[in-house]
Protein backbone atom coordinates (compact mmCIF):
# COMPACT_ATOMS: atom_id res chain seq x y z
CA MET A 1 114.99 55.56 119.74
CA THR A 2 117.93 52.94 120.57
CA GLY A 3 119.71 52.73 123.52
CA THR A 4 122.60 54.79 122.46
CA GLU A 5 120.49 57.76 121.08
CA ARG A 6 120.52 60.69 123.36
CA PRO A 7 117.20 63.23 122.99
CA GLY A 8 118.19 66.33 121.77
CA PRO A 9 118.59 69.52 123.34
CA PRO A 10 115.16 70.92 123.81
CA PRO A 11 114.31 74.42 121.69
CA GLU A 12 115.30 77.34 122.58
CA ASP A 13 113.06 79.58 124.43
CA LEU A 14 113.26 83.01 122.60
CA GLY A 15 110.60 84.46 124.86
CA ARG A 16 107.09 85.45 123.62
CA LEU A 17 105.81 88.10 121.37
CA GLY A 18 102.70 90.65 122.03
CA TYR A 19 100.29 90.81 119.20
CA ASN A 20 101.09 93.39 116.66
CA PHE A 21 99.05 93.44 114.70
CA SER A 22 95.21 91.97 113.62
CA ILE A 23 93.18 90.87 110.88
CA VAL A 24 89.67 91.62 112.19
CA GLY A 25 87.55 90.75 109.38
CA CYS A 26 85.33 89.67 107.77
CA GLN A 27 84.80 85.70 108.24
CA LYS A 28 84.59 83.77 104.63
CA SER A 29 86.13 86.80 103.01
CA GLY A 30 89.83 85.09 102.35
CA THR A 31 91.12 86.08 105.77
CA SER A 32 92.54 82.36 106.09
CA THR A 33 94.52 82.95 102.55
CA LEU A 34 95.89 86.30 103.78
CA SER A 35 97.04 85.70 107.22
CA GLY A 36 99.02 82.04 105.89
CA ALA A 37 100.73 84.46 103.49
CA ILE A 38 102.02 86.94 105.95
CA SER A 39 102.52 84.27 108.24
CA GLN A 40 104.95 83.57 105.88
CA HIS A 41 107.26 86.88 106.09
CA PRO A 42 110.36 86.16 107.35
CA LEU A 43 109.85 88.82 110.13
CA VAL A 44 106.62 87.38 111.21
CA CYS A 45 106.38 84.72 113.73
CA ARG A 46 103.64 81.96 112.80
CA PRO A 47 100.85 82.35 115.76
CA PRO A 48 100.02 79.17 118.01
CA ARG A 49 96.80 79.64 115.82
CA LYS A 50 94.86 81.55 113.71
CA GLU A 51 92.23 82.78 115.91
CA ALA A 52 92.50 83.88 118.79
CA HIS A 53 89.45 84.66 119.80
CA PHE A 54 90.61 87.15 122.68
CA PHE A 55 88.79 90.16 122.50
CA ASN A 56 85.39 88.46 122.19
CA ASP A 57 85.76 86.36 125.60
CA GLU A 58 82.63 87.28 127.33
CA GLU A 59 84.36 85.53 130.35
CA TYR A 60 87.74 87.61 130.80
CA ASP A 61 87.79 90.08 133.35
CA TRP A 62 88.34 92.96 131.28
CA ALA A 63 88.56 95.28 134.12
CA HIS A 64 92.05 93.57 134.94
CA PRO A 65 93.62 92.70 131.75
CA ASP A 66 96.96 91.02 131.83
CA TYR A 67 97.58 91.11 128.46
CA GLU A 68 101.78 89.79 129.07
CA ARG A 69 100.36 86.76 130.75
CA ASP A 70 96.99 86.22 128.25
CA TYR A 71 97.62 87.87 124.76
CA THR A 72 101.30 86.87 123.97
CA ALA A 73 102.86 84.21 121.54
CA PRO A 74 106.10 82.14 121.17
CA LYS A 75 108.56 83.52 119.64
CA ARG A 76 109.97 81.31 117.02
CA ALA A 77 113.06 83.05 115.78
CA ARG A 78 115.65 85.48 116.93
CA ILE A 79 114.52 87.57 113.77
CA HIS A 80 110.74 87.66 114.49
CA THR A 81 109.57 91.07 115.13
CA MET A 82 105.66 90.87 114.70
CA VAL A 83 103.03 88.30 115.42
CA GLY A 84 99.05 88.59 114.11
CA ASP A 85 95.54 87.36 115.51
CA SER A 86 93.40 87.06 112.46
CA THR A 87 90.06 86.71 114.32
CA PRO A 88 87.28 87.70 111.85
CA VAL A 89 84.54 87.96 114.31
CA TYR A 90 86.12 90.91 115.84
CA ILE A 91 85.17 93.49 113.42
CA MET A 92 81.72 93.07 114.12
CA TRP A 93 81.27 91.63 118.08
CA PRO A 94 80.05 94.29 120.06
CA GLY A 95 82.52 95.60 122.45
CA ALA A 96 85.69 93.43 120.49
CA LEU A 97 87.13 97.15 119.13
CA GLU A 98 86.86 99.10 122.14
CA ARG A 99 89.07 96.56 123.72
CA MET A 100 91.63 96.31 120.95
CA ARG A 101 92.17 100.02 121.24
CA ALA A 102 92.53 100.14 125.01
CA TYR A 103 95.54 97.21 124.45
CA ARG A 104 96.54 99.57 121.44
CA ALA A 105 95.58 102.93 120.42
CA ASP A 106 98.18 102.19 117.45
CA LEU A 107 96.90 98.41 116.21
CA PRO A 108 97.25 98.34 112.50
CA LEU A 109 94.13 96.81 111.27
CA ILE A 110 93.33 94.48 108.30
CA ALA A 111 89.29 93.75 106.93
CA VAL A 112 88.56 91.94 103.94
CA PHE A 113 85.47 92.18 102.57
CA ARG A 114 83.04 90.05 100.45
CA ASP A 115 79.82 90.41 99.23
CA PRO A 116 77.23 90.37 101.87
CA ILE A 117 74.79 87.76 100.51
CA GLU A 118 77.95 85.32 98.82
CA ARG A 119 79.92 85.63 102.46
CA LEU A 120 76.67 84.83 103.99
CA PHE A 121 75.84 81.49 102.02
CA SER A 122 79.86 80.67 102.46
CA HIS A 123 78.63 80.77 106.19
CA TRP A 124 75.85 78.71 105.77
CA THR A 125 77.67 75.83 103.73
CA MET A 126 80.65 75.71 106.21
CA LEU A 127 78.32 75.49 109.21
CA ARG A 128 76.15 72.50 107.19
CA SER A 129 79.20 71.17 106.26
CA ARG A 130 80.14 70.62 109.46
CA THR A 131 77.10 69.17 110.77
CA GLU A 132 73.83 68.19 109.22
CA ALA A 133 71.68 69.22 112.47
CA TRP A 134 73.02 73.01 111.57
CA PRO A 135 69.95 74.64 110.76
CA ASP A 136 68.60 74.52 107.30
CA TRP A 137 69.27 77.63 104.98
CA SER A 138 65.71 79.66 105.71
CA GLU A 139 65.99 79.17 109.02
CA PHE A 140 69.65 80.20 109.04
CA ILE A 141 68.31 83.60 107.53
CA THR A 142 65.29 84.27 109.93
CA GLU A 143 66.35 82.58 113.12
CA PHE A 144 68.30 86.11 114.02
CA ARG A 145 67.62 88.72 111.38
CA PRO A 146 68.19 91.92 112.59
CA SER A 147 67.95 95.11 110.27
CA THR A 148 70.98 97.12 112.19
CA LEU A 149 74.35 95.63 113.27
CA PRO A 150 73.81 94.25 117.15
CA THR A 151 75.22 96.89 119.81
CA SER A 152 75.42 94.05 121.92
CA LEU A 153 74.70 90.35 122.14
CA PRO A 154 70.94 89.20 122.41
CA ASP A 155 70.05 88.30 126.09
CA GLY A 156 70.59 84.65 127.02
CA VAL A 157 73.00 83.74 123.95
CA ARG A 158 75.83 82.49 124.80
CA THR A 159 78.90 83.42 123.11
CA MET A 160 79.58 80.14 120.92
CA ARG A 161 75.57 80.27 120.10
CA TYR A 162 75.86 84.34 118.38
CA LYS A 163 79.45 83.27 116.59
CA HIS A 164 77.26 80.68 114.89
CA LEU A 165 74.15 82.53 114.94
CA SER A 166 75.13 86.11 114.20
CA GLY A 167 75.37 85.37 109.70
CA VAL A 168 72.78 87.76 108.60
CA ALA A 169 74.37 90.15 110.80
CA ARG A 170 77.90 89.81 109.54
CA GLY A 171 76.83 91.04 106.22
CA TYR A 172 76.61 95.19 107.88
CA TYR A 173 79.81 95.78 106.98
CA GLY A 174 78.80 99.99 106.36
CA ALA A 175 77.64 100.11 110.52
CA GLN A 176 81.04 97.85 111.11
CA LEU A 177 83.26 100.54 109.46
CA GLU A 178 81.15 103.41 110.81
CA ARG A 179 81.72 102.12 114.34
CA GLY A 180 84.89 101.10 113.40
CA PHE A 181 86.43 103.91 112.33
CA GLY A 182 84.93 106.21 115.52
CA ILE A 183 87.31 103.64 117.74
CA PHE A 184 90.48 103.18 115.65
CA GLU A 185 91.68 106.02 113.58
CA ARG A 186 91.67 105.72 109.71
CA GLU A 187 95.17 105.50 109.06
CA ARG A 188 95.50 102.18 111.47
CA TRP A 189 92.74 100.85 108.86
CA LEU A 190 93.77 98.58 105.41
CA LEU A 191 90.47 97.72 103.16
CA LEU A 192 90.53 94.58 101.18
CA GLU A 193 88.76 93.23 98.74
CA PHE A 194 87.72 89.45 98.36
CA ARG A 195 87.83 89.04 94.66
CA GLN A 196 91.14 91.37 94.43
CA LEU A 197 92.77 89.37 96.69
CA LEU A 198 91.99 86.64 94.59
CA SER A 199 92.60 87.98 91.41
CA ALA A 200 95.51 90.76 92.21
CA TYR A 201 97.18 88.89 95.01
CA ASP A 202 100.67 90.08 94.61
CA GLU A 203 99.47 93.70 94.38
CA VAL A 204 97.39 92.97 97.47
CA LEU A 205 100.34 91.56 99.58
CA ASP A 206 101.91 94.55 98.82
CA ARG A 207 99.67 96.81 100.27
CA ALA A 208 99.14 94.41 103.21
CA THR A 209 103.32 94.25 104.10
CA ASP A 210 103.45 97.85 103.37
CA HIS A 211 100.43 98.64 106.20
CA LEU A 212 102.43 96.51 108.70
CA GLY A 213 105.74 98.51 107.95
CA LEU A 214 107.45 95.19 106.80
CA PRO A 215 109.53 94.94 104.18
CA ARG A 216 107.83 93.71 101.00
CA PHE A 217 108.54 89.54 99.87
CA GLU A 218 111.60 88.97 98.00
CA GLN A 219 109.35 85.98 97.00
CA ARG A 220 105.92 86.05 97.36
CA PRO A 221 104.49 82.72 99.03
CA PRO A 222 102.14 81.04 96.51
CA LEU A 223 98.39 82.16 96.55
CA ARG A 224 96.58 79.42 98.52
CA ASN A 225 92.58 79.69 98.71
CA ARG A 226 92.93 78.50 102.08
CA TYR A 227 90.02 77.11 103.60
CA ALA A 228 87.30 77.72 100.58
CA GLY A 229 84.87 75.81 101.95
CA ALA A 230 82.87 72.53 100.90
CA GLU A 231 82.22 71.93 97.38
CA LEU A 232 78.36 70.38 97.86
CA VAL A 233 76.56 70.23 101.16
CA THR A 234 73.12 68.54 102.21
CA GLY A 235 69.82 70.91 102.40
CA THR A 236 67.72 73.10 100.87
CA ALA A 237 68.62 76.10 98.23
CA PRO A 238 67.74 79.23 98.73
CA THR A 239 65.34 80.91 96.32
CA ALA A 240 64.84 83.71 94.42
CA VAL A 241 62.94 85.35 96.66
CA GLU A 242 65.17 85.06 99.31
CA ILE A 243 68.41 86.21 97.43
CA ALA A 244 66.01 89.68 96.92
CA ASP A 245 64.86 89.72 100.43
CA LEU A 246 68.08 89.73 101.55
CA ALA A 247 69.69 91.97 98.96
CA GLU A 248 66.80 94.64 100.20
CA LEU A 249 67.66 94.07 103.61
CA TYR A 250 71.45 95.08 103.28
CA ALA A 251 70.64 98.03 100.86
CA ALA A 252 71.10 101.55 103.16
CA ASP A 253 74.22 99.32 104.84
CA LEU A 254 76.14 98.84 101.30
CA ALA A 255 75.61 101.81 100.19
CA LEU A 256 76.84 103.35 103.74
CA PHE A 257 79.71 101.29 102.95
CA ASP A 258 80.59 101.87 99.48
CA ARG A 259 80.85 105.38 100.97
CA LEU A 260 82.80 104.74 103.78
CA SER A 261 85.55 102.34 102.23
CA GLY A 262 85.84 103.81 98.87
CA LEU A 263 86.28 100.14 97.70
CA ASP A 264 84.40 99.00 94.01
CA THR A 265 81.57 96.79 94.98
CA SER A 266 80.22 96.89 91.24
CA ALA A 267 80.62 93.25 90.73
CA TRP A 268 79.46 92.15 93.70
CA PRO A 269 75.96 90.17 93.11
CA THR A 270 73.95 92.45 96.16
CA THR A 271 75.05 95.64 94.51
CA ARG A 272 74.15 93.74 90.80
CA ILE A 273 70.57 92.85 92.16
CA LEU A 274 69.73 96.32 93.69
CA ALA A 275 70.86 98.16 90.30
CA GLY A 276 68.81 95.58 88.42
CA SER A 277 71.62 94.46 86.04
CA LEU A 278 71.60 90.86 88.00
CA ASP A 279 68.34 88.40 88.57
CA PRO A 280 68.26 87.09 92.01
CA GLY A 281 67.30 83.68 90.15
CA GLU A 282 70.40 83.53 88.49
CA LEU A 283 72.31 83.69 91.90
CA ALA A 284 69.90 81.27 93.51
CA ALA A 285 70.43 78.96 90.64
CA ARG A 286 74.41 79.43 91.24
CA PHE A 287 74.38 78.88 94.79
CA ALA A 288 71.82 75.60 94.27
CA THR A 289 74.92 73.85 92.21
CA ARG A 290 76.36 73.77 95.84
CA VAL A 291 73.19 72.34 97.57
CA ALA A 292 71.81 68.66 97.50
CA HIS A 293 68.50 67.57 99.02
């Protein structure tokens, strides 16, 4: 800046908005793609960060929450009426949905679901791409392998560790919906499917804005598959036996999910393996192309 230049006026303080919708899950299922698109709506304020991680904060004083102080975002334009929190761990985190209902019982919720084994593998490759010190695949799927959705955090496990440890647990979609529908009324929920988000993007985006009570986009933002993950990671690729075992682990819960969600999961590899129309080795071989020894 030269001696003759003067700094411009500070940005106008437009106040703050309380978060008034949430994309609650599931991780590695297109939540970044969806939240990025919705945040480009003229009436939607882009939040300071995609994931607020407010309702899964185990150190917060939940007996005396101060939402106005702790759960608001700066308004960026006068026209803005909505701001969303897209934290995909909420749907499976013990206690998170209950805290959300105490905040706002009429909060609109969106959840995007993906084949549970594909989601699990994508979860592992994300962590593995960040650091090779992260456990290899076999350890990742056995270190914490509950047979149902946990209702509490494991004893002695800190919040950040559980976020990374909970890969297998996140795939119990049926139990997540069963619990979620008992906390929030069914009409509060919009359930979407990952493959459809990518293949029928315009239709899905219209459904999302309809659910949030927003006018549809006059011109939709282009589809951007955000945070799709690393193309190649080092480690040991999944085996056909491991894939088959995971499919059996998820079988009962997947049947529950099908009944509750109404989504079409017939093309999901897990569904096809259980139906006998896909060999687990085929999925293992596909995953192996993403893993270098």
